[in-house]
Amino acid sequence: GLVQAGGSLRLSCAASGRTSSRYAVGWFRQAPGKKREFVA
């Protein structure tokens, strides 16, 4: 969503289908004109 500088957001990633604990999970981001970036 849209927030002011200094604010907070909580993102969720919900998995369905063939799920298991064998997966590591990561967050990435991509801004216009920039490469995809690893976040966490």
PDB file of all heavy atoms in Angstrom:
ATOM      1  N   GLY A   1       0.815  -1.202   0.000  1.00  0.00           N
ATOM      2  CA  GLY A   1       0.000   0.000   0.000  1.00  0.00           C
ATOM      3  C   GLY A   1       0.846   1.247   0.000  1.00  0.00           C
ATOM      4  O   GLY A   1       2.051   1.200  -0.262  1.00  0.00           O
ATOM      5  N   LEU A   2       0.211   2.353   0.302  1.00  0.00           N
ATOM      6  CA  LEU A   2       0.859   3.661   0.340  1.00  0.00           C
ATOM      7  C   LEU A   2       1.028   4.105   1.784  1.00  0.00           C
ATOM      8  O   LEU A   2       0.051   4.142   2.545  1.00  0.00           O
ATOM      9  CB  LEU A   2       0.025   4.684  -0.431  1.00  0.00           C
ATOM     10  CG  LEU A   2       0.474   6.139  -0.368  1.00  0.00           C
ATOM     11  CD1 LEU A   2       1.851   6.302  -1.001  1.00  0.00           C
ATOM     12  CD2 LEU A   2      -0.552   7.030  -1.056  1.00  0.00           C
ATOM     13  N   VAL A   3       2.253   4.439   2.158  1.00  0.00           N
ATOM     14  CA  VAL A   3       2.541   4.910   3.513  1.00  0.00           C
ATOM     15  C   VAL A   3       3.492   6.091   3.450  1.00  0.00           C
ATOM     16  O   VAL A   3       4.196   6.292   2.462  1.00  0.00           O
ATOM     17  CB  VAL A   3       3.151   3.806   4.400  1.00  0.00           C
ATOM     18  CG1 VAL A   3       2.182   2.648   4.574  1.00  0.00           C
ATOM     19  CG2 VAL A   3       4.466   3.313   3.808  1.00  0.00           C
ATOM     20  N   GLN A   4       3.518   6.863   4.519  1.00  0.00           N
ATOM     21  CA  GLN A   4       4.445   7.975   4.635  1.00  0.00           C
ATOM     22  C   GLN A   4       5.803   7.489   5.117  1.00  0.00           C
ATOM     23  O   GLN A   4       5.912   6.449   5.768  1.00  0.00           O
ATOM     24  CB  GLN A   4       3.909   9.022   5.603  1.00  0.00           C
ATOM     25  CG  GLN A   4       2.653   9.730   5.138  1.00  0.00           C
ATOM     26  CD  GLN A   4       2.181  10.759   6.144  1.00  0.00           C
ATOM     27  OE1 GLN A   4       2.315  10.581   7.346  1.00  0.00           O
ATOM     28  NE2 GLN A   4       1.622  11.844   5.638  1.00  0.00           N
ATOM     29  N   ALA A   5       6.833   8.228   4.782  1.00  0.00           N
ATOM     30  CA  ALA A   5       8.169   7.907   5.269  1.00  0.00           C
ATOM     31  C   ALA A   5       8.163   7.813   6.792  1.00  0.00           C
ATOM     32  O   ALA A   5       7.559   8.638   7.478  1.00  0.00           O
ATOM     33  CB  ALA A   5       9.170   8.955   4.802  1.00  0.00           C
ATOM     34  N   GLY A   6       8.835   6.799   7.301  1.00  0.00           N
ATOM     35  CA  GLY A   6       8.848   6.548   8.728  1.00  0.00           C
ATOM     36  C   GLY A   6       7.757   5.609   9.197  1.00  0.00           C
ATOM     37  O   GLY A   6       7.789   5.154  10.350  1.00  0.00           O
ATOM     38  N   GLY A   7       6.815   5.303   8.324  1.00  0.00           N
ATOM     39  CA  GLY A   7       5.723   4.416   8.675  1.00  0.00           C
ATOM     40  C   GLY A   7       6.081   2.952   8.539  1.00  0.00           C
ATOM     41  O   GLY A   7       7.223   2.594   8.250  1.00  0.00           O
ATOM     42  N   SER A   8       5.078   2.098   8.719  1.00  0.00           N
ATOM     43  CA  SER A   8       5.294   0.657   8.716  1.00  0.00           C
ATOM     44  C   SER A   8       4.257  -0.053   7.866  1.00  0.00           C
ATOM     45  O   SER A   8       3.134   0.417   7.703  1.00  0.00           O
ATOM     46  CB  SER A   8       5.228   0.097  10.143  1.00  0.00           C
ATOM     47  OG  SER A   8       6.227   0.651  10.972  1.00  0.00           O
ATOM     48  N   LEU A   9       4.652  -1.199   7.339  1.00  0.00           N
ATOM     49  CA  LEU A   9       3.763  -2.102   6.636  1.00  0.00           C
ATOM     50  C   LEU A   9       4.158  -3.526   6.975  1.00  0.00           C
ATOM     51  O   LEU A   9       5.328  -3.795   7.260  1.00  0.00           O
ATOM     52  CB  LEU A   9       3.835  -1.917   5.120  1.00  0.00           C
ATOM     53  CG  LEU A   9       3.107  -0.738   4.485  1.00  0.00           C
ATOM     54  CD1 LEU A   9       3.436  -0.687   2.993  1.00  0.00           C
ATOM     55  CD2 LEU A   9       1.608  -0.845   4.699  1.00  0.00           C
ATOM     56  N   ARG A  10       3.195  -4.423   6.914  1.00  0.00           N
ATOM     57  CA  ARG A  10       3.459  -5.838   7.114  1.00  0.00           C
ATOM     58  C   ARG A  10       2.963  -6.606   5.902  1.00  0.00           C
ATOM     59  O   ARG A  10       1.757  -6.663   5.642  1.00  0.00           O
ATOM     60  CB  ARG A  10       2.772  -6.356   8.374  1.00  0.00           C
ATOM     61  CG  ARG A  10       3.232  -7.760   8.781  1.00  0.00           C
ATOM     62  CD  ARG A  10       2.320  -8.352   9.825  1.00  0.00           C
ATOM     63  NE  ARG A  10       2.916  -9.499  10.502  1.00  0.00           N
ATOM     64  CZ  ARG A  10       2.232 -10.398  11.197  1.00  0.00           C
ATOM     65  NH1 ARG A  10       0.923 -10.276  11.324  1.00  0.00           N
ATOM     66  NH2 ARG A  10       2.864 -11.404  11.778  1.00  0.00           N
ATOM     67  N   LEU A  11       3.886  -7.203   5.172  1.00  0.00           N
ATOM     68  CA  LEU A  11       3.548  -7.991   4.005  1.00  0.00           C
ATOM     69  C   LEU A  11       3.373  -9.454   4.387  1.00  0.00           C
ATOM     70  O   LEU A  11       4.045  -9.957   5.286  1.00  0.00           O
ATOM     71  CB  LEU A  11       4.637  -7.879   2.935  1.00  0.00           C
ATOM     72  CG  LEU A  11       5.023  -6.466   2.484  1.00  0.00           C
ATOM     73  CD1 LEU A  11       6.044  -6.557   1.356  1.00  0.00           C
ATOM     74  CD2 LEU A  11       3.801  -5.675   2.057  1.00  0.00           C
ATOM     75  N   SER A  12       2.477 -10.123   3.680  1.00  0.00           N
ATOM     76  CA  SER A  12       2.240 -11.544   3.888  1.00  0.00           C
ATOM     77  C   SER A  12       2.447 -12.298   2.595  1.00  0.00           C
ATOM     78  O   SER A  12       2.137 -11.797   1.512  1.00  0.00           O
ATOM     79  CB  SER A  12       0.815 -11.796   4.390  1.00  0.00           C
ATOM     80  OG  SER A  12       0.589 -11.179   5.631  1.00  0.00           O
ATOM     81  N   CYS A  13       2.962 -13.500   2.706  1.00  0.00           N
ATOM     82  CA  CYS A  13       3.132 -14.407   1.579  1.00  0.00           C
ATOM     83  C   CYS A  13       2.493 -15.727   1.957  1.00  0.00           C
ATOM     84  O   CYS A  13       3.032 -16.471   2.786  1.00  0.00           O
ATOM     85  CB  CYS A  13       4.619 -14.590   1.251  1.00  0.00           C
ATOM     86  SG  CYS A  13       4.954 -15.819  -0.031  1.00  0.00           S
ATOM     87  N   ALA A  14       1.344 -16.008   1.369  1.00  0.00           N
ATOM     88  CA  ALA A  14       0.602 -17.219   1.678  1.00  0.00           C
ATOM     89  C   ALA A  14       0.840 -18.271   0.603  1.00  0.00           C
ATOM     90  O   ALA A  14       0.705 -17.993  -0.585  1.00  0.00           O
ATOM     91  CB  ALA A  14      -0.889 -16.913   1.793  1.00  0.00           C
ATOM     92  N   ALA A  15       1.180 -19.472   1.027  1.00  0.00           N
ATOM     93  CA  ALA A  15       1.462 -20.568   0.109  1.00  0.00           C
ATOM     94  C   ALA A  15       0.329 -21.588   0.119  1.00  0.00           C
ATOM     95  O   ALA A  15      -0.271 -21.863   1.160  1.00  0.00           O
ATOM     96  CB  ALA A  15       2.773 -21.254   0.479  1.00  0.00           C
ATOM     97  N   SER A  16       0.055 -22.137  -1.044  1.00  0.00           N
ATOM     98  CA  SER A  16      -0.938 -23.192  -1.169  1.00  0.00           C
ATOM     99  C   SER A  16      -0.472 -24.186  -2.216  1.00  0.00           C
ATOM    100  O   SER A  16       0.490 -23.941  -2.938  1.00  0.00           O
ATOM    101  CB  SER A  16      -2.309 -22.627  -1.535  1.00  0.00           C
ATOM    102  OG  SER A  16      -2.260 -21.959  -2.783  1.00  0.00           O
ATOM    103  N   GLY A  17      -1.165 -25.314  -2.305  1.00  0.00           N
ATOM    104  CA  GLY A  17      -0.762 -26.359  -3.215  1.00  0.00           C
ATOM    105  C   GLY A  17       0.163 -27.339  -2.522  1.00  0.00           C
ATOM    106  O   GLY A  17      -0.065 -27.707  -1.369  1.00  0.00           O
ATOM    107  N   ARG A  18       1.214 -27.735  -3.224  1.00  0.00           N
ATOM    108  CA  ARG A  18       2.166 -28.700  -2.680  1.00  0.00           C
ATOM    109  C   ARG A  18       3.207 -27.981  -1.830  1.00  0.00           C
ATOM    110  O   ARG A  18       4.300 -27.646  -2.299  1.00  0.00           O
ATOM    111  CB  ARG A  18       2.831 -29.483  -3.809  1.00  0.00           C
ATOM    112  CG  ARG A  18       3.711 -30.617  -3.334  1.00  0.00           C
ATOM    113  CD  ARG A  18       4.302 -31.375  -4.494  1.00  0.00           C
ATOM    114  NE  ARG A  18       5.211 -32.416  -4.061  1.00  0.00           N
ATOM    115  CZ  ARG A  18       5.868 -33.237  -4.857  1.00  0.00           C
ATOM    116  NH1 ARG A  18       5.704 -33.135  -6.167  1.00  0.00           N
ATOM    117  NH2 ARG A  18       6.680 -34.147  -4.362  1.00  0.00           N
ATOM    118  N   THR A  19       2.858 -27.754  -0.590  1.00  0.00           N
ATOM    119  CA  THR A  19       3.739 -27.040   0.326  1.00  0.00           C
ATOM    120  C   THR A  19       4.409 -28.011   1.291  1.00  0.00           C
ATOM    121  O   THR A  19       3.870 -29.058   1.634  1.00  0.00           O
ATOM    122  CB  THR A  19       2.959 -26.000   1.133  1.00  0.00           C
ATOM    123  OG1 THR A  19       1.946 -26.645   1.900  1.00  0.00           O
ATOM    124  CG2 THR A  19       2.311 -24.984   0.210  1.00  0.00           C
ATOM    125  N   SER A  20       5.591 -27.642   1.740  1.00  0.00           N
ATOM    126  CA  SER A  20       6.314 -28.404   2.740  1.00  0.00           C
ATOM    127  C   SER A  20       7.405 -27.534   3.345  1.00  0.00           C
ATOM    128  O   SER A  20       7.759 -26.485   2.803  1.00  0.00           O
ATOM    129  CB  SER A  20       6.917 -29.681   2.150  1.00  0.00           C
ATOM    130  OG  SER A  20       8.098 -29.409   1.437  1.00  0.00           O
ATOM    131  N   SER A  21       7.953 -28.002   4.460  1.00  0.00           N
ATOM    132  CA  SER A  21       9.001 -27.260   5.144  1.00  0.00           C
ATOM    133  C   SER A  21      10.355 -27.337   4.439  1.00  0.00           C
ATOM    134  O   SER A  21      11.324 -26.744   4.906  1.00  0.00           O
ATOM    135  CB  SER A  21       9.144 -27.773   6.578  1.00  0.00           C
ATOM    136  OG  SER A  21       9.499 -29.151   6.585  1.00  0.00           O
ATOM    137  N   ARG A  22      10.418 -28.037   3.324  1.00  0.00           N
ATOM    138  CA  ARG A  22      11.672 -28.167   2.591  1.00  0.00           C
ATOM    139  C   ARG A  22      12.074 -26.886   1.867  1.00  0.00           C
ATOM    140  O   ARG A  22      13.187 -26.774   1.381  1.00  0.00           O
ATOM    141  CB  ARG A  22      11.592 -29.310   1.590  1.00  0.00           C
ATOM    142  CG  ARG A  22      10.523 -29.121   0.519  1.00  0.00           C
ATOM    143  CD  ARG A  22      10.354 -30.411  -0.269  1.00  0.00           C
ATOM    144  NE  ARG A  22       9.214 -30.355  -1.167  1.00  0.00           N
ATOM    145  CZ  ARG A  22       9.277 -30.019  -2.448  1.00  0.00           C
ATOM    146  NH1 ARG A  22      10.442 -29.709  -2.993  1.00  0.00           N
ATOM    147  NH2 ARG A  22       8.183 -30.007  -3.190  1.00  0.00           N
ATOM    148  N   TYR A  23      11.190 -25.919   1.791  1.00  0.00           N
ATOM    149  CA  TYR A  23      11.459 -24.677   1.078  1.00  0.00           C
ATOM    150  C   TYR A  23      12.012 -23.607   1.992  1.00  0.00           C
ATOM    151  O   TYR A  23      11.524 -23.391   3.093  1.00  0.00           O
ATOM    152  CB  TYR A  23      10.184 -24.139   0.432  1.00  0.00           C
ATOM    153  CG  TYR A  23       9.669 -24.956  -0.721  1.00  0.00           C
ATOM    154  CD1 TYR A  23       8.431 -25.580  -0.639  1.00  0.00           C
ATOM    155  CD2 TYR A  23      10.407 -25.086  -1.887  1.00  0.00           C
ATOM    156  CE1 TYR A  23       7.946 -26.322  -1.701  1.00  0.00           C
ATOM    157  CE2 TYR A  23       9.929 -25.829  -2.951  1.00  0.00           C
ATOM    158  CZ  TYR A  23       8.697 -26.446  -2.851  1.00  0.00           C
ATOM    159  OH  TYR A  23       8.208 -27.183  -3.903  1.00  0.00           O
ATOM    160  N   ALA A  24      13.046 -22.929   1.502  1.00  0.00           N
ATOM    161  CA  ALA A  24      13.446 -21.659   2.059  1.00  0.00           C
ATOM    162  C   ALA A  24      12.618 -20.574   1.376  1.00  0.00           C
ATOM    163  O   ALA A  24      12.218 -20.734   0.221  1.00  0.00           O
ATOM    164  CB  ALA A  24      14.936 -21.409   1.835  1.00  0.00           C
ATOM    165  N   VAL A  25      12.365 -19.490   2.073  1.00  0.00           N
ATOM    166  CA  VAL A  25      11.490 -18.441   1.555  1.00  0.00           C
ATOM    167  C   VAL A  25      12.219 -17.114   1.552  1.00  0.00           C
ATOM    168  O   VAL A  25      12.917 -16.778   2.514  1.00  0.00           O
ATOM    169  CB  VAL A  25      10.199 -18.336   2.384  1.00  0.00           C
ATOM    170  CG1 VAL A  25       9.255 -17.303   1.777  1.00  0.00           C
ATOM    171  CG2 VAL A  25       9.512 -19.689   2.486  1.00  0.00           C
ATOM    172  N   GLY A  26      12.041 -16.367   0.482  1.00  0.00           N
ATOM    173  CA  GLY A  26      12.700 -15.078   0.376  1.00  0.00           C
ATOM    174  C   GLY A  26      11.771 -13.987  -0.114  1.00  0.00           C
ATOM    175  O   GLY A  26      10.764 -14.259  -0.772  1.00  0.00           O
ATOM    176  N   TRP A  27      12.128 -12.758   0.231  1.00  0.00           N
ATOM    177  CA  TRP A  27      11.453 -11.578  -0.265  1.00  0.00           C
ATOM    178  C   TRP A  27      12.398 -10.807  -1.176  1.00  0.00           C
ATOM    179  O   TRP A  27      13.588 -10.657  -0.873  1.00  0.00           O
ATOM    180  CB  TRP A  27      11.004 -10.662   0.871  1.00  0.00           C
ATOM    181  CG  TRP A  27       9.794 -11.147   1.613  1.00  0.00           C
ATOM    182  CD1 TRP A  27       9.770 -11.851   2.778  1.00  0.00           C
ATOM    183  CD2 TRP A  27       8.431 -10.936   1.238  1.00  0.00           C
ATOM    184  NE1 TRP A  27       8.474 -12.101   3.154  1.00  0.00           N
ATOM    185  CE2 TRP A  27       7.633 -11.555   2.230  1.00  0.00           C
ATOM    186  CE3 TRP A  27       7.802 -10.294   0.173  1.00  0.00           C
ATOM    187  CZ2 TRP A  27       6.236 -11.542   2.180  1.00  0.00           C
ATOM    188  CZ3 TRP A  27       6.425 -10.287   0.119  1.00  0.00           C
ATOM    189  CH2 TRP A  27       5.660 -10.903   1.116  1.00  0.00           C
ATOM    190  N   PHE A  28      11.853 -10.286  -2.270  1.00  0.00           N
ATOM    191  CA  PHE A  28      12.607  -9.520  -3.245  1.00  0.00           C
ATOM    192  C   PHE A  28      11.818  -8.271  -3.597  1.00  0.00           C
ATOM    193  O   PHE A  28      10.625  -8.181  -3.329  1.00  0.00           O
ATOM    194  CB  PHE A  28      12.868 -10.345  -4.507  1.00  0.00           C
ATOM    195  CG  PHE A  28      13.575 -11.642  -4.242  1.00  0.00           C
ATOM    196  CD1 PHE A  28      12.873 -12.754  -3.815  1.00  0.00           C
ATOM    197  CD2 PHE A  28      14.945 -11.740  -4.412  1.00  0.00           C
ATOM    198  CE1 PHE A  28      13.521 -13.957  -3.563  1.00  0.00           C
ATOM    199  CE2 PHE A  28      15.605 -12.930  -4.164  1.00  0.00           C
ATOM    200  CZ  PHE A  28      14.890 -14.039  -3.735  1.00  0.00           C
ATOM    201  N   ARG A  29      12.477  -7.325  -4.213  1.00  0.00           N
ATOM    202  CA  ARG A  29      11.777  -6.137  -4.675  1.00  0.00           C
ATOM    203  C   ARG A  29      12.407  -5.632  -5.956  1.00  0.00           C
ATOM    204  O   ARG A  29      13.574  -5.874  -6.238  1.00  0.00           O
ATOM    205  CB  ARG A  29      11.792  -5.042  -3.609  1.00  0.00           C
ATOM    206  CG  ARG A  29      13.164  -4.481  -3.279  1.00  0.00           C
ATOM    207  CD  ARG A  29      13.073  -3.536  -2.092  1.00  0.00           C
ATOM    208  NE  ARG A  29      14.348  -2.915  -1.785  1.00  0.00           N
ATOM    209  CZ  ARG A  29      14.564  -2.142  -0.727  1.00  0.00           C
ATOM    210  NH1 ARG A  29      13.583  -1.894   0.129  1.00  0.00           N
ATOM    211  NH2 ARG A  29      15.773  -1.617  -0.535  1.00  0.00           N
ATOM    212  N   GLN A  30      11.607  -4.923  -6.726  1.00  0.00           N
ATOM    213  CA  GLN A  30      12.083  -4.343  -7.965  1.00  0.00           C
ATOM    214  C   GLN A  30      11.405  -3.002  -8.189  1.00  0.00           C
ATOM    215  O   GLN A  30      10.182  -2.919  -8.235  1.00  0.00           O
ATOM    216  CB  GLN A  30      11.822  -5.268  -9.147  1.00  0.00           C
ATOM    217  CG  GLN A  30      12.462  -4.789 -10.439  1.00  0.00           C
ATOM    218  CD  GLN A  30      12.506  -5.867 -11.499  1.00  0.00           C
ATOM    219  OE1 GLN A  30      11.784  -6.856 -11.434  1.00  0.00           O
ATOM    220  NE2 GLN A  30      13.368  -5.681 -12.481  1.00  0.00           N
ATOM    221  N   ALA A  31      12.214  -1.982  -8.304  1.00  0.00           N
ATOM    222  CA  ALA A  31      11.735  -0.640  -8.582  1.00  0.00           C
ATOM    223  C   ALA A  31      11.922  -0.337 -10.056  1.00  0.00           C
ATOM    224  O   ALA A  31      12.782  -0.934 -10.716  1.00  0.00           O
ATOM    225  CB  ALA A  31      12.489   0.378  -7.729  1.00  0.00           C
ATOM    226  N   PRO A  32      11.147   0.593 -10.607  1.00  0.00           N
ATOM    227  CA  PRO A  32      11.294   0.947 -12.025  1.00  0.00           C
ATOM    228  C   PRO A  32      12.715   1.365 -12.358  1.00  0.00           C
ATOM    229  O   PRO A  32      13.323   2.176 -11.662  1.00  0.00           O
ATOM    230  CB  PRO A  32      10.316   2.112 -12.191  1.00  0.00           C
ATOM    231  CG  PRO A  32       9.290   1.890 -11.136  1.00  0.00           C
ATOM    232  CD  PRO A  32      10.052   1.329  -9.970  1.00  0.00           C
ATOM    233  N   GLY A  33      13.254   0.792 -13.435  1.00  0.00           N
ATOM    234  CA  GLY A  33      14.591   1.130 -13.876  1.00  0.00           C
ATOM    235  C   GLY A  33      15.708   0.475 -13.094  1.00  0.00           C
ATOM    236  O   GLY A  33      16.881   0.743 -13.361  1.00  0.00           O
ATOM    237  N   LYS A  34      15.374  -0.371 -12.137  1.00  0.00           N
ATOM    238  CA  LYS A  34      16.385  -1.030 -11.328  1.00  0.00           C
ATOM    239  C   LYS A  34      16.275  -2.545 -11.442  1.00  0.00           C
ATOM    240  O   LYS A  34      15.233  -3.076 -11.811  1.00  0.00           O
ATOM    241  CB  LYS A  34      16.271  -0.618  -9.859  1.00  0.00           C
ATOM    242  CG  LYS A  34      16.586   0.841  -9.595  1.00  0.00           C
ATOM    243  CD  LYS A  34      16.635   1.125  -8.108  1.00  0.00           C
ATOM    244  CE  LYS A  34      17.039   2.560  -7.826  1.00  0.00           C
ATOM    245  NZ  LYS A  34      17.124   2.827  -6.362  1.00  0.00           N
ATOM    246  N   LYS A  35      17.349  -3.210 -11.109  1.00  0.00           N
ATOM    247  CA  LYS A  35      17.389  -4.664 -11.122  1.00  0.00           C
ATOM    248  C   LYS A  35      16.634  -5.223  -9.918  1.00  0.00           C
ATOM    249  O   LYS A  35      16.394  -4.519  -8.924  1.00  0.00           O
ATOM    250  CB  LYS A  35      18.828  -5.166 -11.135  1.00  0.00           C
ATOM    251  CG  LYS A  35      19.547  -5.108  -9.780  1.00  0.00           C
ATOM    252  CD  LYS A  35      19.720  -3.693  -9.261  1.00  0.00           C
ATOM    253  CE  LYS A  35      20.251  -3.697  -7.830  1.00  0.00           C
ATOM    254  NZ  LYS A  35      20.301  -2.332  -7.266  1.00  0.00           N
ATOM    255  N   ARG A  36      16.277  -6.481 -10.012  1.00  0.00           N
ATOM    256  CA  ARG A  36      15.644  -7.149  -8.883  1.00  0.00           C
ATOM    257  C   ARG A  36      16.631  -7.238  -7.730  1.00  0.00           C
ATOM    258  O   ARG A  36      17.806  -7.553  -7.915  1.00  0.00           O
ATOM    259  CB  ARG A  36      15.166  -8.538  -9.299  1.00  0.00           C
ATOM    260  CG  ARG A  36      14.416  -9.287  -8.209  1.00  0.00           C
ATOM    261  CD  ARG A  36      13.827 -10.578  -8.762  1.00  0.00           C
ATOM    262  NE  ARG A  36      14.860 -11.440  -9.322  1.00  0.00           N
ATOM    263  CZ  ARG A  36      14.615 -12.549 -10.000  1.00  0.00           C
ATOM    264  NH1 ARG A  36      13.356 -12.920 -10.229  1.00  0.00           N
ATOM    265  NH2 ARG A  36      15.612 -13.277 -10.469  1.00  0.00           N
ATOM    266  N   GLU A  37      16.158  -6.975  -6.533  1.00  0.00           N
ATOM    267  CA  GLU A  37      17.009  -6.897  -5.361  1.00  0.00           C
ATOM    268  C   GLU A  37      16.549  -7.869  -4.283  1.00  0.00           C
ATOM    269  O   GLU A  37      15.358  -7.973  -3.985  1.00  0.00           O
ATOM    270  CB  GLU A  37      16.992  -5.460  -4.811  1.00  0.00           C
ATOM    271  CG  GLU A  37      17.792  -5.247  -3.549  1.00  0.00           C
ATOM    272  CD  GLU A  37      17.626  -3.848  -2.989  1.00  0.00           C
ATOM    273  OE1 GLU A  37      16.784  -3.093  -3.512  1.00  0.00           O
ATOM    274  OE2 GLU A  37      18.339  -3.497  -2.033  1.00  0.00           O
ATOM    275  N   PHE A  38      17.497  -8.555  -3.697  1.00  0.00           N
ATOM    276  CA  PHE A  38      17.207  -9.418  -2.563  1.00  0.00           C
ATOM    277  C   PHE A  38      16.928  -8.565  -1.334  1.00  0.00           C
ATOM    278  O   PHE A  38      17.625  -7.579  -1.084  1.00  0.00           O
ATOM    279  CB  PHE A  38      18.384 -10.356  -2.290  1.00  0.00           C
ATOM    280  CG  PHE A  38      18.300 -11.057  -0.971  1.00  0.00           C
ATOM    281  CD1 PHE A  38      17.450 -12.132  -0.794  1.00  0.00           C
ATOM    282  CD2 PHE A  38      19.063 -10.635   0.104  1.00  0.00           C
ATOM    283  CE1 PHE A  38      17.359 -12.782   0.427  1.00  0.00           C
ATOM    284  CE2 PHE A  38      18.987 -11.271   1.327  1.00  0.00           C
ATOM    285  CZ  PHE A  38      18.129 -12.349   1.488  1.00  0.00           C
ATOM    286  N   VAL A  39      15.935  -8.954  -0.565  1.00  0.00           N
ATOM    287  CA  VAL A  39      15.558  -8.210   0.632  1.00  0.00           C
ATOM    288  C   VAL A  39      15.806  -9.017   1.897  1.00  0.00           C
ATOM    289  O   VAL A  39      16.508  -8.572   2.803  1.00  0.00           O
ATOM    290  CB  VAL A  39      14.080  -7.778   0.579  1.00  0.00           C
ATOM    291  CG1 VAL A  39      13.674  -7.093   1.883  1.00  0.00           C
ATOM    292  CG2 VAL A  39      13.840  -6.854  -0.608  1.00  0.00           C
ATOM    293  N   ALA A  40      15.223 -10.204   1.978  1.00  0.00           N
ATOM    294  CA  ALA A  40      15.338 -11.020   3.183  1.00  0.00           C
ATOM    295  C   ALA A  40      14.985 -12.459   2.860  1.00  0.00           C
ATOM    296  O   ALA A  40      14.277 -12.742   1.891  1.00  0.00           O
ATOM    297  CB  ALA A  40      14.424 -10.497   4.294  1.00  0.00           C
TER     298      ALA A  40
END
